[in-house]
Amino acid sequence: MNTFDRLCAGTAFLLGITLLILGVIGLFMGCSAHFTLPPVLGILPAFVGWGVVRAVYVAWNVRTTWGEDVPLETPFED
């Protein structure tokens, strides 16, 4: 990941953490953040937040092999 990718991933991670916290609080008290959910459905933002946090975590730990020669297979070798 280049610097811009890491900046975007960090921003998404912070958004995901915010949604996770909002969802945990919303489970018991409901939530209101440009939308209003009753107490039981208040956990829905936590699911969105978890999806964002998990995706960023997986993408951050991926190792790329840029610049390495990868042998190409030729389909019709005799």
N, C-alpha and C. Protein backbone atom coordinates (compact mmCIF):
# COMPACT_ATOMS: atom_id res chain seq x y z
N MET A 1 0.85 -1.17 0.00
CA MET A 1 0.00 0.00 0.00
C MET A 1 0.89 1.23 0.00
N ASN A 2 0.55 2.18 -0.85
CA ASN A 2 1.31 3.42 -0.86
C ASN A 2 0.78 4.37 0.21
N THR A 3 1.37 5.56 0.30
CA THR A 3 1.02 6.49 1.38
C THR A 3 -0.44 6.93 1.30
N PHE A 4 -0.93 7.21 0.11
CA PHE A 4 -2.33 7.63 -0.04
C PHE A 4 -3.28 6.50 0.39
N ASP A 5 -2.96 5.28 0.00
CA ASP A 5 -3.79 4.14 0.42
C ASP A 5 -3.82 4.00 1.93
N ARG A 6 -2.68 4.18 2.57
CA ARG A 6 -2.62 4.09 4.03
C ARG A 6 -3.39 5.23 4.69
N LEU A 7 -3.35 6.43 4.10
CA LEU A 7 -4.11 7.56 4.63
C LEU A 7 -5.61 7.26 4.55
N CYS A 8 -6.06 6.77 3.40
CA CYS A 8 -7.48 6.44 3.24
C CYS A 8 -7.88 5.29 4.17
N ALA A 9 -7.01 4.30 4.30
CA ALA A 9 -7.31 3.17 5.19
C ALA A 9 -7.39 3.64 6.64
N GLY A 10 -6.50 4.53 7.04
CA GLY A 10 -6.54 5.06 8.40
C GLY A 10 -7.82 5.84 8.67
N THR A 11 -8.24 6.64 7.70
CA THR A 11 -9.48 7.38 7.84
C THR A 11 -10.68 6.44 7.92
N ALA A 12 -10.69 5.42 7.08
CA ALA A 12 -11.77 4.43 7.11
C ALA A 12 -11.77 3.68 8.43
N PHE A 13 -10.59 3.39 8.95
CA PHE A 13 -10.49 2.69 10.23
C PHE A 13 -11.11 3.53 11.35
N LEU A 14 -10.81 4.83 11.37
CA LEU A 14 -11.40 5.71 12.38
C LEU A 14 -12.92 5.78 12.24
N LEU A 15 -13.41 5.83 11.01
CA LEU A 15 -14.85 5.82 10.78
C LEU A 15 -15.46 4.51 11.28
N GLY A 16 -14.78 3.40 11.01
CA GLY A 16 -15.27 2.10 11.46
C GLY A 16 -15.31 2.00 12.98
N ILE A 17 -14.28 2.50 13.65
CA ILE A 17 -14.27 2.49 15.12
C ILE A 17 -15.41 3.34 15.65
N THR A 18 -15.64 4.50 15.04
CA THR A 18 -16.75 5.37 15.45
C THR A 18 -18.08 4.65 15.31
N LEU A 19 -18.28 3.96 14.20
CA LEU A 19 -19.53 3.22 14.00
C LEU A 19 -19.66 2.06 14.98
N LEU A 20 -18.54 1.41 15.30
CA LEU A 20 -18.59 0.34 16.29
C LEU A 20 -19.03 0.86 17.65
N ILE A 21 -18.45 1.97 18.06
CA ILE A 21 -18.82 2.55 19.36
C ILE A 21 -20.28 2.99 19.34
N LEU A 22 -20.70 3.65 18.25
CA LEU A 22 -22.10 4.07 18.12
C LEU A 22 -23.04 2.86 18.18
N GLY A 23 -22.64 1.77 17.56
CA GLY A 23 -23.47 0.56 17.56
C GLY A 23 -23.58 -0.08 18.92
N VAL A 24 -22.47 -0.12 19.66
CA VAL A 24 -22.51 -0.71 21.00
C VAL A 24 -23.38 0.13 21.92
N ILE A 25 -23.21 1.44 21.86
CA ILE A 25 -24.07 2.32 22.66
C ILE A 25 -25.52 2.21 22.18
N GLY A 26 -25.71 2.14 20.89
CA GLY A 26 -27.05 2.06 20.32
C GLY A 26 -27.79 0.79 20.66
N LEU A 27 -27.06 -0.27 20.96
CA LEU A 27 -27.70 -1.51 21.35
C LEU A 27 -28.56 -1.31 22.59
N PHE A 28 -28.09 -0.49 23.51
CA PHE A 28 -28.79 -0.29 24.77
C PHE A 28 -29.63 0.98 24.82
N MET A 29 -29.17 2.03 24.17
CA MET A 29 -29.84 3.33 24.29
C MET A 29 -30.47 3.82 23.00
N GLY A 30 -30.28 3.10 21.91
CA GLY A 30 -30.69 3.63 20.61
C GLY A 30 -29.61 4.58 20.13
N CYS A 31 -29.73 5.08 18.92
CA CYS A 31 -28.72 6.01 18.44
C CYS A 31 -29.36 7.03 17.51
N SER A 32 -28.68 8.16 17.38
CA SER A 32 -29.15 9.22 16.51
C SER A 32 -27.94 9.93 15.92
N ALA A 33 -27.70 9.73 14.66
CA ALA A 33 -26.59 10.37 13.96
C ALA A 33 -27.03 10.60 12.52
N HIS A 34 -27.85 11.59 12.30
CA HIS A 34 -28.52 11.85 11.02
C HIS A 34 -29.49 10.73 10.67
N PHE A 35 -29.71 9.85 11.59
CA PHE A 35 -30.74 8.81 11.51
C PHE A 35 -31.06 8.41 12.94
N THR A 36 -32.22 7.87 13.16
CA THR A 36 -32.62 7.47 14.50
C THR A 36 -33.04 6.01 14.48
N LEU A 37 -32.46 5.24 15.39
CA LEU A 37 -32.80 3.83 15.51
C LEU A 37 -33.24 3.54 16.94
N PRO A 38 -34.22 2.67 17.12
CA PRO A 38 -34.63 2.31 18.48
C PRO A 38 -33.54 1.46 19.15
N PRO A 39 -33.63 1.24 20.45
CA PRO A 39 -32.57 0.54 21.18
C PRO A 39 -32.12 -0.79 20.60
N VAL A 40 -33.01 -1.65 20.20
CA VAL A 40 -32.58 -2.97 19.71
C VAL A 40 -31.89 -2.85 18.34
N LEU A 41 -32.42 -2.02 17.46
CA LEU A 41 -31.82 -1.86 16.13
C LEU A 41 -30.62 -0.93 16.14
N GLY A 42 -30.32 -0.33 17.28
CA GLY A 42 -29.19 0.57 17.38
C GLY A 42 -27.84 -0.09 17.17
N ILE A 43 -27.82 -1.42 17.15
CA ILE A 43 -26.56 -2.13 16.92
C ILE A 43 -26.20 -2.20 15.43
N LEU A 44 -27.09 -1.86 14.55
CA LEU A 44 -26.81 -1.96 13.11
C LEU A 44 -25.56 -1.19 12.68
N PRO A 45 -25.30 0.02 13.20
CA PRO A 45 -24.05 0.69 12.81
C PRO A 45 -22.81 -0.09 13.22
N ALA A 46 -22.89 -0.89 14.26
CA ALA A 46 -21.74 -1.68 14.68
C ALA A 46 -21.38 -2.71 13.61
N PHE A 47 -22.36 -3.27 12.94
CA PHE A 47 -22.08 -4.23 11.88
C PHE A 47 -21.36 -3.55 10.72
N VAL A 48 -21.80 -2.35 10.36
CA VAL A 48 -21.13 -1.59 9.30
C VAL A 48 -19.72 -1.24 9.74
N GLY A 49 -19.57 -0.79 10.98
CA GLY A 49 -18.25 -0.46 11.50
C GLY A 49 -17.32 -1.65 11.51
N TRP A 50 -17.83 -2.81 11.90
CA TRP A 50 -17.00 -4.02 11.91
C TRP A 50 -16.55 -4.37 10.51
N GLY A 51 -17.44 -4.23 9.53
CA GLY A 51 -17.06 -4.51 8.14
C GLY A 51 -15.94 -3.60 7.67
N VAL A 52 -16.01 -2.33 8.03
CA VAL A 52 -14.97 -1.38 7.63
C VAL A 52 -13.66 -1.71 8.34
N VAL A 53 -13.71 -1.91 9.65
CA VAL A 53 -12.49 -2.19 10.42
C VAL A 53 -11.83 -3.48 9.93
N ARG A 54 -12.60 -4.51 9.70
CA ARG A 54 -12.05 -5.79 9.24
C ARG A 54 -11.42 -5.67 7.86
N ALA A 55 -12.09 -4.96 6.95
CA ALA A 55 -11.55 -4.78 5.60
C ALA A 55 -10.23 -4.01 5.64
N VAL A 56 -10.16 -2.96 6.45
CA VAL A 56 -8.92 -2.19 6.56
C VAL A 56 -7.82 -3.04 7.18
N TYR A 57 -8.13 -3.81 8.20
CA TYR A 57 -7.14 -4.67 8.85
C TYR A 57 -6.56 -5.68 7.86
N VAL A 58 -7.42 -6.31 7.08
CA VAL A 58 -6.95 -7.30 6.12
C VAL A 58 -6.11 -6.63 5.03
N ALA A 59 -6.57 -5.51 4.50
CA ALA A 59 -5.85 -4.82 3.43
C ALA A 59 -4.50 -4.30 3.92
N TRP A 60 -4.44 -3.85 5.16
CA TRP A 60 -3.19 -3.29 5.70
C TRP A 60 -2.12 -4.37 5.81
N ASN A 61 -2.52 -5.61 6.09
CA ASN A 61 -1.56 -6.69 6.31
C ASN A 61 -1.21 -7.48 5.06
N VAL A 62 -1.74 -7.11 3.91
CA VAL A 62 -1.44 -7.82 2.68
C VAL A 62 -0.04 -7.43 2.22
N ARG A 63 0.75 -8.41 1.91
CA ARG A 63 2.10 -8.16 1.39
C ARG A 63 2.06 -8.26 -0.13
N THR A 64 2.56 -7.25 -0.79
CA THR A 64 2.58 -7.26 -2.25
C THR A 64 3.95 -7.70 -2.73
N THR A 65 4.01 -8.20 -3.93
CA THR A 65 5.26 -8.65 -4.52
C THR A 65 5.56 -7.82 -5.77
N TRP A 66 5.52 -6.51 -5.63
CA TRP A 66 5.79 -5.64 -6.77
C TRP A 66 7.25 -5.78 -7.19
N GLY A 67 7.46 -5.88 -8.48
CA GLY A 67 8.81 -5.89 -9.01
C GLY A 67 9.45 -7.26 -9.10
N GLU A 68 8.84 -8.26 -8.54
CA GLU A 68 9.42 -9.59 -8.64
C GLU A 68 8.99 -10.25 -9.94
N ASP A 69 9.91 -11.00 -10.54
CA ASP A 69 9.58 -11.71 -11.77
C ASP A 69 8.76 -12.94 -11.44
N VAL A 70 7.62 -13.04 -12.06
CA VAL A 70 6.75 -14.20 -11.88
C VAL A 70 6.83 -15.01 -13.16
N PRO A 71 7.23 -16.26 -13.08
CA PRO A 71 7.33 -17.07 -14.31
C PRO A 71 5.95 -17.30 -14.91
N LEU A 72 5.85 -17.02 -16.19
CA LEU A 72 4.59 -17.23 -16.90
C LEU A 72 4.59 -18.62 -17.51
N GLU A 73 3.49 -19.28 -17.40
CA GLU A 73 3.36 -20.61 -18.00
C GLU A 73 2.87 -20.45 -19.43
N THR A 74 3.48 -21.16 -20.34
CA THR A 74 2.99 -21.14 -21.71
C THR A 74 2.06 -22.35 -21.88
N PRO A 75 0.89 -22.12 -22.42
CA PRO A 75 -0.10 -23.21 -22.46
C PRO A 75 0.24 -24.33 -23.43
N PHE A 76 1.10 -24.10 -24.45
CA PHE A 76 1.34 -25.13 -25.47
C PHE A 76 2.81 -25.45 -25.59
N GLU A 77 3.42 -25.94 -24.51
CA GLU A 77 4.81 -26.34 -24.60
C GLU A 77 4.88 -27.78 -25.07
N ASP A 78 5.85 -28.06 -25.96
CA ASP A 78 6.05 -29.44 -26.46
C ASP A 78 7.27 -30.04 -25.87
